[in-house]
Amino acid sequence: MELLKDYDYTILYHPGKANVVADALSRKSMGSLAHISIGRRSLVREIHSLGDIGVRLEVAETNALLAHFRVRPILMDKIKEAQSKDEFVIKALEDPQGRKGKMFTKGIDGVLRYGTRLYVPDGDGLRREILEEAHMAAYVVHPGATKMYQDLKEVYWWEGLKRDVAEFVSKCLVCQQVKVEHQKPAGLLQPLPVPEWKWEHIAMDFVTGLPRTSGGYDSIWIIVDRLTKSAHFLPVKTTYRAAQYA
């Protein structure tokens, strides 16, 4: 509605019998999953094979020409299974009054959380899988270590998360190739020599554009001693030349 309100348009009715192209596409019999036949076992097998890419599919068949499936991530199941074998969780739960034990809570899904964040055990490559998804997925486009850590710490927790994120990003080949530094190293800082006596080295500046005084002065000449930081503020005119300043 916000997009359309900026336009001066008129809504016209277009009968379905005149819109034959769009009507034919919307009524195509094979365009809906509700028309999958029980006899199409190959399609059902393909749906089952999708479980290898990180989702679990449950297909229910009936005597009618209908098929129903539900998609849900299996990462939670992997984390829950890994938590049941993790020594860190077992030791923390054995001491519920300790600092770690107080922070662990079990949700209605049976997954242990550290505060409000999912605790990811160091097993079955779960941490590596989460780091790769948060850094190399098409919708994140290789974020830096700081951005990646800020995103992950909202959902996940494990000891050394920030260190693991920084190490993972530093070893990313794509980041090393694309985000390479093209400038030469600046080298060590070269400090200015410290003056040995007052008024031996000075710095000067001008403040101009001021209202003109009765004496015709419209600027201030500032002279600062670099050693003692003493300063002189002298009224001058913008028409002065170098000889007059000297």
C-alpha atoms as a PDB file:
ATOM      1  CA  MET A   1       0.000   0.000   0.000  1.00  0.00           C
ATOM      2  CA  GLU A   2       2.873   2.394   0.747  1.00  0.00           C
ATOM      3  CA  LEU A   3       4.283   1.722  -2.715  1.00  0.00           C
ATOM      4  CA  LEU A   4       0.973   2.178  -4.538  1.00  0.00           C
ATOM      5  CA  LYS A   5      -0.102   5.341  -2.710  1.00  0.00           C
ATOM      6  CA  ASP A   6       2.575   7.345  -4.521  1.00  0.00           C
ATOM      7  CA  TYR A   7       1.014   6.575  -7.926  1.00  0.00           C
ATOM      8  CA  ASP A   8      -2.093   7.928  -9.623  1.00  0.00           C
ATOM      9  CA  TYR A   9      -3.658   4.707 -10.889  1.00  0.00           C
ATOM     10  CA  THR A  10      -7.028   3.178 -11.728  1.00  0.00           C
ATOM     11  CA  ILE A  11      -8.034  -0.411 -10.914  1.00  0.00           C
ATOM     12  CA  LEU A  12      -9.711  -2.079 -13.908  1.00  0.00           C
ATOM     13  CA  TYR A  13     -11.415  -5.460 -13.899  1.00  0.00           C
ATOM     14  CA  HIS A  14     -10.002  -7.963 -16.399  1.00  0.00           C
ATOM     15  CA  PRO A  15     -12.289 -10.998 -16.924  1.00  0.00           C
ATOM     16  CA  GLY A  16     -10.748 -14.428 -16.563  1.00  0.00           C
ATOM     17  CA  LYS A  17     -11.788 -15.607 -20.034  1.00  0.00           C
ATOM     18  CA  ALA A  18      -9.771 -12.747 -21.546  1.00  0.00           C
ATOM     19  CA  ASN A  19      -6.708 -13.446 -19.358  1.00  0.00           C
ATOM     20  CA  VAL A  20      -6.135 -16.876 -20.857  1.00  0.00           C
ATOM     21  CA  VAL A  21      -2.335 -16.986 -20.423  1.00  0.00           C
ATOM     22  CA  ALA A  22      -2.279 -16.321 -16.680  1.00  0.00           C
ATOM     23  CA  ASP A  23      -5.373 -18.463 -16.184  1.00  0.00           C
ATOM     24  CA  ALA A  24      -3.742 -21.422 -17.922  1.00  0.00           C
ATOM     25  CA  LEU A  25      -0.656 -21.185 -15.694  1.00  0.00           C
ATOM     26  CA  SER A  26      -2.678 -20.929 -12.487  1.00  0.00           C
ATOM     27  CA  ARG A  27      -4.797 -23.948 -13.397  1.00  0.00           C
ATOM     28  CA  LYS A  28      -1.948 -26.186 -14.503  1.00  0.00           C
ATOM     29  CA  SER A  29      -2.627 -29.592 -12.958  1.00  0.00           C
ATOM     30  CA  MET A  30       0.995 -30.421 -12.124  1.00  0.00           C
ATOM     31  CA  GLY A  31       1.726 -27.057 -10.552  1.00  0.00           C
ATOM     32  CA  SER A  32       0.597 -28.018  -7.043  1.00  0.00           C
ATOM     33  CA  LEU A  33       1.920 -30.556  -4.587  1.00  0.00           C
ATOM     34  CA  ALA A  34      -1.668 -31.559  -3.857  1.00  0.00           C
ATOM     35  CA  HIS A  35      -1.735 -33.444  -7.189  1.00  0.00           C
ATOM     36  CA  ILE A  36       1.230 -35.697  -6.488  1.00  0.00           C
ATOM     37  CA  SER A  37       0.095 -39.232  -7.132  1.00  0.00           C
ATOM     38  CA  ILE A  38       0.959 -42.124  -4.898  1.00  0.00           C
ATOM     39  CA  GLY A  39       2.308 -43.883  -7.939  1.00  0.00           C
ATOM     40  CA  ARG A  40       5.003 -41.233  -8.409  1.00  0.00           C
ATOM     41  CA  ARG A  41       7.438 -43.015  -6.112  1.00  0.00           C
ATOM     42  CA  SER A  42      10.449 -41.406  -7.786  1.00  0.00           C
ATOM     43  CA  LEU A  43       9.345 -37.955  -6.655  1.00  0.00           C
ATOM     44  CA  VAL A  44       8.810 -39.197  -3.104  1.00  0.00           C
ATOM     45  CA  ARG A  45      12.291 -40.703  -3.113  1.00  0.00           C
ATOM     46  CA  GLU A  46      13.724 -37.391  -4.273  1.00  0.00           C
ATOM     47  CA  ILE A  47      11.966 -35.630  -1.412  1.00  0.00           C
ATOM     48  CA  HIS A  48      13.449 -38.121   1.048  1.00  0.00           C
ATOM     49  CA  SER A  49      16.913 -37.528  -0.411  1.00  0.00           C
ATOM     50  CA  LEU A  50      16.671 -33.857   0.516  1.00  0.00           C
ATOM     51  CA  GLY A  51      17.413 -34.865   4.083  1.00  0.00           C
ATOM     52  CA  ASP A  52      21.095 -34.989   3.126  1.00  0.00           C
ATOM     53  CA  ILE A  53      21.245 -31.192   2.743  1.00  0.00           C
ATOM     54  CA  GLY A  54      20.276 -30.334   6.296  1.00  0.00           C
ATOM     55  CA  VAL A  55      16.482 -30.574   6.460  1.00  0.00           C
ATOM     56  CA  ARG A  56      14.217 -33.370   7.589  1.00  0.00           C
ATOM     57  CA  LEU A  57      11.202 -34.156   5.426  1.00  0.00           C
ATOM     58  CA  GLU A  58       8.243 -36.157   6.650  1.00  0.00           C
ATOM     59  CA  VAL A  59       6.001 -37.486   3.861  1.00  0.00           C
ATOM     60  CA  ALA A  60       2.558 -38.837   4.688  1.00  0.00           C
ATOM     61  CA  GLU A  61       0.575 -40.689   2.037  1.00  0.00           C
ATOM     62  CA  THR A  62      -3.132 -41.451   1.919  1.00  0.00           C
ATOM     63  CA  ASN A  63      -5.394 -43.384  -0.421  1.00  0.00           C
ATOM     64  CA  ALA A  64      -6.327 -40.120  -2.120  1.00  0.00           C
ATOM     65  CA  LEU A  65      -4.261 -38.281  -4.690  1.00  0.00           C
ATOM     66  CA  LEU A  66      -2.733 -36.069  -1.999  1.00  0.00           C
ATOM     67  CA  ALA A  67       0.667 -35.776  -0.375  1.00  0.00           C
ATOM     68  CA  HIS A  68       1.671 -33.745   2.637  1.00  0.00           C
ATOM     69  CA  PHE A  69       5.174 -33.008   3.882  1.00  0.00           C
ATOM     70  CA  ARG A  70       6.691 -30.795   6.553  1.00  0.00           C
ATOM     71  CA  VAL A  71      10.146 -29.190   6.452  1.00  0.00           C
ATOM     72  CA  ARG A  72      12.096 -28.418   9.614  1.00  0.00           C
ATOM     73  CA  PRO A  73      15.818 -27.982  10.366  1.00  0.00           C
ATOM     74  CA  ILE A  74      17.718 -30.839  11.966  1.00  0.00           C
ATOM     75  CA  LEU A  75      20.362 -28.624  13.574  1.00  0.00           C
ATOM     76  CA  MET A  76      18.438 -28.587  16.845  1.00  0.00           C
ATOM     77  CA  ASP A  77      18.353 -32.384  16.853  1.00  0.00           C
ATOM     78  CA  LYS A  78      22.104 -32.519  16.266  1.00  0.00           C
ATOM     79  CA  ILE A  79      22.777 -30.059  19.078  1.00  0.00           C
ATOM     80  CA  LYS A  80      20.480 -31.947  21.455  1.00  0.00           C
ATOM     81  CA  GLU A  81      22.177 -35.246  20.668  1.00  0.00           C
ATOM     82  CA  ALA A  82      25.640 -33.758  21.069  1.00  0.00           C
ATOM     83  CA  GLN A  83      24.691 -32.153  24.389  1.00  0.00           C
ATOM     84  CA  SER A  84      23.734 -35.514  25.839  1.00  0.00           C
ATOM     85  CA  LYS A  85      27.327 -36.688  25.331  1.00  0.00           C
ATOM     86  CA  ASP A  86      29.142 -33.455  26.198  1.00  0.00           C
ATOM     87  CA  GLU A  87      31.271 -33.589  29.352  1.00  0.00           C
ATOM     88  CA  PHE A  88      31.097 -29.839  29.873  1.00  0.00           C
ATOM     89  CA  VAL A  89      27.312 -29.914  30.165  1.00  0.00           C
ATOM     90  CA  ILE A  90      27.368 -32.944  32.454  1.00  0.00           C
ATOM     91  CA  LYS A  91      29.841 -31.300  34.845  1.00  0.00           C
ATOM     92  CA  ALA A  92      27.920 -28.015  34.840  1.00  0.00           C
ATOM     93  CA  LEU A  93      24.624 -29.735  35.624  1.00  0.00           C
ATOM     94  CA  GLU A  94      26.223 -31.758  38.406  1.00  0.00           C
ATOM     95  CA  ASP A  95      26.987 -28.480  40.169  1.00  0.00           C
ATOM     96  CA  PRO A  96      23.737 -26.485  39.778  1.00  0.00           C
ATOM     97  CA  GLN A  97      24.897 -23.878  42.305  1.00  0.00           C
ATOM     98  CA  GLY A  98      28.070 -23.124  40.394  1.00  0.00           C
ATOM     99  CA  ARG A  99      28.442 -20.244  38.009  1.00  0.00           C
ATOM    100  CA  LYS A 100      28.092 -22.437  34.920  1.00  0.00           C
ATOM    101  CA  GLY A 101      25.320 -24.573  36.379  1.00  0.00           C
ATOM    102  CA  LYS A 102      23.107 -21.590  37.171  1.00  0.00           C
ATOM    103  CA  MET A 103      23.294 -20.373  33.596  1.00  0.00           C
ATOM    104  CA  PHE A 104      22.089 -23.625  32.010  1.00  0.00           C
ATOM    105  CA  THR A 105      18.359 -24.033  31.430  1.00  0.00           C
ATOM    106  CA  LYS A 106      16.394 -26.632  29.486  1.00  0.00           C
ATOM    107  CA  GLY A 107      13.668 -25.429  27.134  1.00  0.00           C
ATOM    108  CA  ILE A 108      10.435 -27.131  26.177  1.00  0.00           C
ATOM    109  CA  ASP A 109      12.248 -28.624  23.180  1.00  0.00           C
ATOM    110  CA  GLY A 110      14.680 -30.412  25.482  1.00  0.00           C
ATOM    111  CA  VAL A 111      17.700 -28.411  24.316  1.00  0.00           C
ATOM    112  CA  LEU A 112      20.020 -26.935  26.930  1.00  0.00           C
ATOM    113  CA  ARG A 113      20.661 -23.219  26.724  1.00  0.00           C
ATOM    114  CA  TYR A 114      23.290 -21.037  28.291  1.00  0.00           C
ATOM    115  CA  GLY A 115      21.101 -18.167  29.413  1.00  0.00           C
ATOM    116  CA  THR A 116      18.980 -17.521  26.336  1.00  0.00           C
ATOM    117  CA  ARG A 117      21.506 -18.827  23.825  1.00  0.00           C
ATOM    118  CA  LEU A 118      21.957 -22.330  22.476  1.00  0.00           C
ATOM    119  CA  TYR A 119      24.987 -24.096  23.852  1.00  0.00           C
ATOM    120  CA  VAL A 120      26.844 -25.815  21.010  1.00  0.00           C
ATOM    121  CA  PRO A 121      29.100 -28.704  22.127  1.00  0.00           C
ATOM    122  CA  ASP A 122      32.466 -29.263  20.505  1.00  0.00           C
ATOM    123  CA  GLY A 123      31.556 -32.449  18.711  1.00  0.00           C
ATOM    124  CA  ASP A 124      30.354 -33.819  15.383  1.00  0.00           C
ATOM    125  CA  GLY A 125      31.652 -30.687  13.648  1.00  0.00           C
ATOM    126  CA  LEU A 126      28.681 -28.610  14.832  1.00  0.00           C
ATOM    127  CA  ARG A 127      30.711 -25.518  15.625  1.00  0.00           C
ATOM    128  CA  ARG A 128      32.463 -25.695  12.274  1.00  0.00           C
ATOM    129  CA  GLU A 129      29.123 -26.105  10.508  1.00  0.00           C
ATOM    130  CA  ILE A 130      27.671 -23.034  12.253  1.00  0.00           C
ATOM    131  CA  LEU A 131      30.755 -20.943  11.483  1.00  0.00           C
ATOM    132  CA  GLU A 132      30.641 -21.902   7.801  1.00  0.00           C
ATOM    133  CA  GLU A 133      26.931 -21.090   7.574  1.00  0.00           C
ATOM    134  CA  ALA A 134      27.410 -17.706   9.262  1.00  0.00           C
ATOM    135  CA  HIS A 135      30.362 -16.766   7.056  1.00  0.00           C
ATOM    136  CA  MET A 136      30.011 -18.451   3.684  1.00  0.00           C
ATOM    137  CA  ALA A 137      26.256 -18.530   3.083  1.00  0.00           C
ATOM    138  CA  ALA A 138      24.949 -16.542   0.109  1.00  0.00           C
ATOM    139  CA  TYR A 139      22.900 -14.241   2.322  1.00  0.00           C
ATOM    140  CA  VAL A 140      25.786 -13.119   4.581  1.00  0.00           C
ATOM    141  CA  VAL A 141      28.578 -12.461   2.019  1.00  0.00           C
ATOM    142  CA  HIS A 142      31.682 -13.129   4.168  1.00  0.00           C
ATOM    143  CA  PRO A 143      31.313 -10.686   7.083  1.00  0.00           C
ATOM    144  CA  GLY A 144      34.265  -9.600   9.170  1.00  0.00           C
ATOM    145  CA  ALA A 145      35.114 -11.136  12.518  1.00  0.00           C
ATOM    146  CA  THR A 146      33.359  -8.438  14.546  1.00  0.00           C
ATOM    147  CA  LYS A 147      30.105  -8.525  12.544  1.00  0.00           C
ATOM    148  CA  MET A 148      30.085 -12.321  12.468  1.00  0.00           C
ATOM    149  CA  TYR A 149      30.641 -12.562  16.227  1.00  0.00           C
ATOM    150  CA  GLN A 150      27.870 -10.050  16.972  1.00  0.00           C
ATOM    151  CA  ASP A 151      25.453 -12.117  14.856  1.00  0.00           C
ATOM    152  CA  LEU A 152      26.385 -15.474  16.354  1.00  0.00           C
ATOM    153  CA  LYS A 153      26.438 -14.450  20.006  1.00  0.00           C
ATOM    154  CA  GLU A 154      22.749 -13.545  19.825  1.00  0.00           C
ATOM    155  CA  VAL A 155      21.824 -17.205  19.236  1.00  0.00           C
ATOM    156  CA  TYR A 156      24.768 -19.487  20.098  1.00  0.00           C
ATOM    157  CA  TRP A 157      27.297 -19.788  22.911  1.00  0.00           C
ATOM    158  CA  TRP A 158      30.362 -21.819  23.657  1.00  0.00           C
ATOM    159  CA  GLU A 159      33.623 -21.068  25.430  1.00  0.00           C
ATOM    160  CA  GLY A 160      36.025 -19.268  23.110  1.00  0.00           C
ATOM    161  CA  LEU A 161      33.358 -18.272  20.564  1.00  0.00           C
ATOM    162  CA  LYS A 162      35.000 -14.939  19.805  1.00  0.00           C
ATOM    163  CA  ARG A 163      38.420 -16.547  19.426  1.00  0.00           C
ATOM    164  CA  ASP A 164      37.072 -19.257  17.119  1.00  0.00           C
ATOM    165  CA  VAL A 165      35.288 -16.666  14.944  1.00  0.00           C
ATOM    166  CA  ALA A 166      38.428 -14.546  14.593  1.00  0.00           C
ATOM    167  CA  GLU A 167      40.527 -17.606  13.725  1.00  0.00           C
ATOM    168  CA  PHE A 168      37.966 -18.857  11.203  1.00  0.00           C
ATOM    169  CA  VAL A 169      37.747 -15.500   9.409  1.00  0.00           C
ATOM    170  CA  SER A 170      41.543 -15.107   9.335  1.00  0.00           C
ATOM    171  CA  LYS A 171      41.864 -18.479   7.545  1.00  0.00           C
ATOM    172  CA  CYS A 172      39.118 -17.818   4.977  1.00  0.00           C
ATOM    173  CA  LEU A 173      40.750 -18.000   1.531  1.00  0.00           C
ATOM    174  CA  VAL A 174      38.085 -15.835  -0.134  1.00  0.00           C
ATOM    175  CA  CYS A 175      38.560 -13.057   2.423  1.00  0.00           C
ATOM    176  CA  GLN A 176      42.333 -13.213   2.004  1.00  0.00           C
ATOM    177  CA  GLN A 177      41.999 -12.828  -1.764  1.00  0.00           C
ATOM    178  CA  VAL A 178      39.275 -10.187  -1.903  1.00  0.00           C
ATOM    179  CA  LYS A 179      39.957  -8.154   1.231  1.00  0.00           C
ATOM    180  CA  VAL A 180      43.700  -7.948   0.777  1.00  0.00           C
ATOM    181  CA  GLU A 181      45.456  -4.761   1.867  1.00  0.00           C
ATOM    182  CA  HIS A 182      46.843  -2.925  -1.208  1.00  0.00           C
ATOM    183  CA  GLN A 183      48.847  -0.274   0.654  1.00  0.00           C
ATOM    184  CA  LYS A 184      52.441  -0.569   1.747  1.00  0.00           C
ATOM    185  CA  PRO A 185      53.045  -0.966   5.483  1.00  0.00           C
ATOM    186  CA  ALA A 186      53.294   2.416   7.155  1.00  0.00           C
ATOM    187  CA  GLY A 187      56.285   1.389   9.242  1.00  0.00           C
ATOM    188  CA  LEU A 188      57.208   2.730  12.644  1.00  0.00           C
ATOM    189  CA  LEU A 189      56.087   6.149  13.807  1.00  0.00           C
ATOM    190  CA  GLN A 190      58.626   8.959  13.407  1.00  0.00           C
ATOM    191  CA  PRO A 191      58.155  11.322  16.365  1.00  0.00           C
ATOM    192  CA  LEU A 192      59.076  14.975  16.015  1.00  0.00           C
ATOM    193  CA  PRO A 193      62.220  16.076  17.869  1.00  0.00           C
ATOM    194  CA  VAL A 194      61.556  17.572  21.302  1.00  0.00           C
ATOM    195  CA  PRO A 195      62.722  21.218  21.592  1.00  0.00           C
ATOM    196  CA  GLU A 196      65.516  21.826  24.107  1.00  0.00           C
ATOM    197  CA  TRP A 197      64.724  25.449  24.934  1.00  0.00           C
ATOM    198  CA  LYS A 198      61.657  27.663  25.028  1.00  0.00           C
ATOM    199  CA  TRP A 199      60.743  29.616  21.910  1.00  0.00           C
ATOM    200  CA  GLU A 200      63.248  27.578  19.941  1.00  0.00           C
ATOM    201  CA  HIS A 201      60.474  25.982  17.863  1.00  0.00           C
ATOM    202  CA  ILE A 202      57.161  27.712  17.343  1.00  0.00           C
ATOM    203  CA  ALA A 203      53.902  27.056  15.502  1.00  0.00           C
ATOM    204  CA  MET A 204      51.698  29.735  13.971  1.00  0.00           C
ATOM    205  CA  ASP A 205      48.096  29.991  12.874  1.00  0.00           C
ATOM    206  CA  PHE A 206      45.602  32.687  11.863  1.00  0.00           C
ATOM    207  CA  VAL A 207      41.989  33.304  12.801  1.00  0.00           C
ATOM    208  CA  THR A 208      40.424  35.370  10.026  1.00  0.00           C
ATOM    209  CA  GLY A 209      37.013  36.647   9.013  1.00  0.00           C
ATOM    210  CA  LEU A 210      36.426  38.503  12.289  1.00  0.00           C
ATOM    211  CA  PRO A 211      34.516  41.811  12.568  1.00  0.00           C
ATOM    212  CA  ARG A 212      36.774  44.764  11.898  1.00  0.00           C
ATOM    213  CA  THR A 213      37.772  46.769  14.976  1.00  0.00           C
ATOM    214  CA  SER A 214      38.106  50.529  15.189  1.00  0.00           C
ATOM    215  CA  GLY A 215      41.830  50.129  14.598  1.00  0.00           C
ATOM    216  CA  GLY A 216      41.241  48.205  11.364  1.00  0.00           C
ATOM    217  CA  TYR A 217      42.217  44.786  12.722  1.00  0.00           C
ATOM    218  CA  ASP A 218      40.167  41.845  11.396  1.00  0.00           C
ATOM    219  CA  SER A 219      42.367  38.823  12.207  1.00  0.00           C
ATOM    220  CA  ILE A 220      44.302  37.221  15.061  1.00  0.00           C
ATOM    221  CA  TRP A 221      47.847  35.943  14.671  1.00  0.00           C
ATOM    222  CA  ILE A 222      48.500  33.012  17.069  1.00  0.00           C
ATOM    223  CA  ILE A 223      52.066  32.031  17.956  1.00  0.00           C
ATOM    224  CA  VAL A 224      52.578  28.936  20.161  1.00  0.00           C
ATOM    225  CA  ASP A 225      55.811  27.711  21.754  1.00  0.00           C
ATOM    226  CA  ARG A 226      56.082  23.954  21.183  1.00  0.00           C
ATOM    227  CA  LEU A 227      58.016  23.340  24.416  1.00  0.00           C
ATOM    228  CA  THR A 228      56.116  25.355  27.021  1.00  0.00           C
ATOM    229  CA  LYS A 229      52.821  25.682  25.056  1.00  0.00           C
ATOM    230  CA  SER A 230      52.855  29.409  25.776  1.00  0.00           C
ATOM    231  CA  ALA A 231      50.926  31.428  23.203  1.00  0.00           C
ATOM    232  CA  HIS A 232      50.674  34.993  21.935  1.00  0.00           C
ATOM    233  CA  PHE A 233      47.483  36.300  20.344  1.00  0.00           C
ATOM    234  CA  LEU A 234      48.260  39.376  18.242  1.00  0.00           C
ATOM    235  CA  PRO A 235      45.706  41.492  16.363  1.00  0.00           C
ATOM    236  CA  VAL A 236      46.665  41.848  12.705  1.00  0.00           C
ATOM    237  CA  LYS A 237      45.176  42.847   9.394  1.00  0.00           C
ATOM    238  CA  THR A 238      44.648  40.573   6.412  1.00  0.00           C
ATOM    239  CA  THR A 239      46.445  43.139   4.278  1.00  0.00           C
ATOM    240  CA  TYR A 240      49.742  42.592   6.127  1.00  0.00           C
ATOM    241  CA  ARG A 241      52.624  41.217   4.111  1.00  0.00           C
ATOM    242  CA  ALA A 242      55.449  38.942   5.248  1.00  0.00           C
ATOM    243  CA  ALA A 243      57.745  41.857   6.004  1.00  0.00           C
ATOM    244  CA  GLN A 244      55.199  43.375   8.350  1.00  0.00           C
ATOM    245  CA  TYR A 245      54.740  40.081  10.169  1.00  0.00           C
ATOM    246  CA  ALA A 246      58.499  39.726  10.521  1.00  0.00           C
END
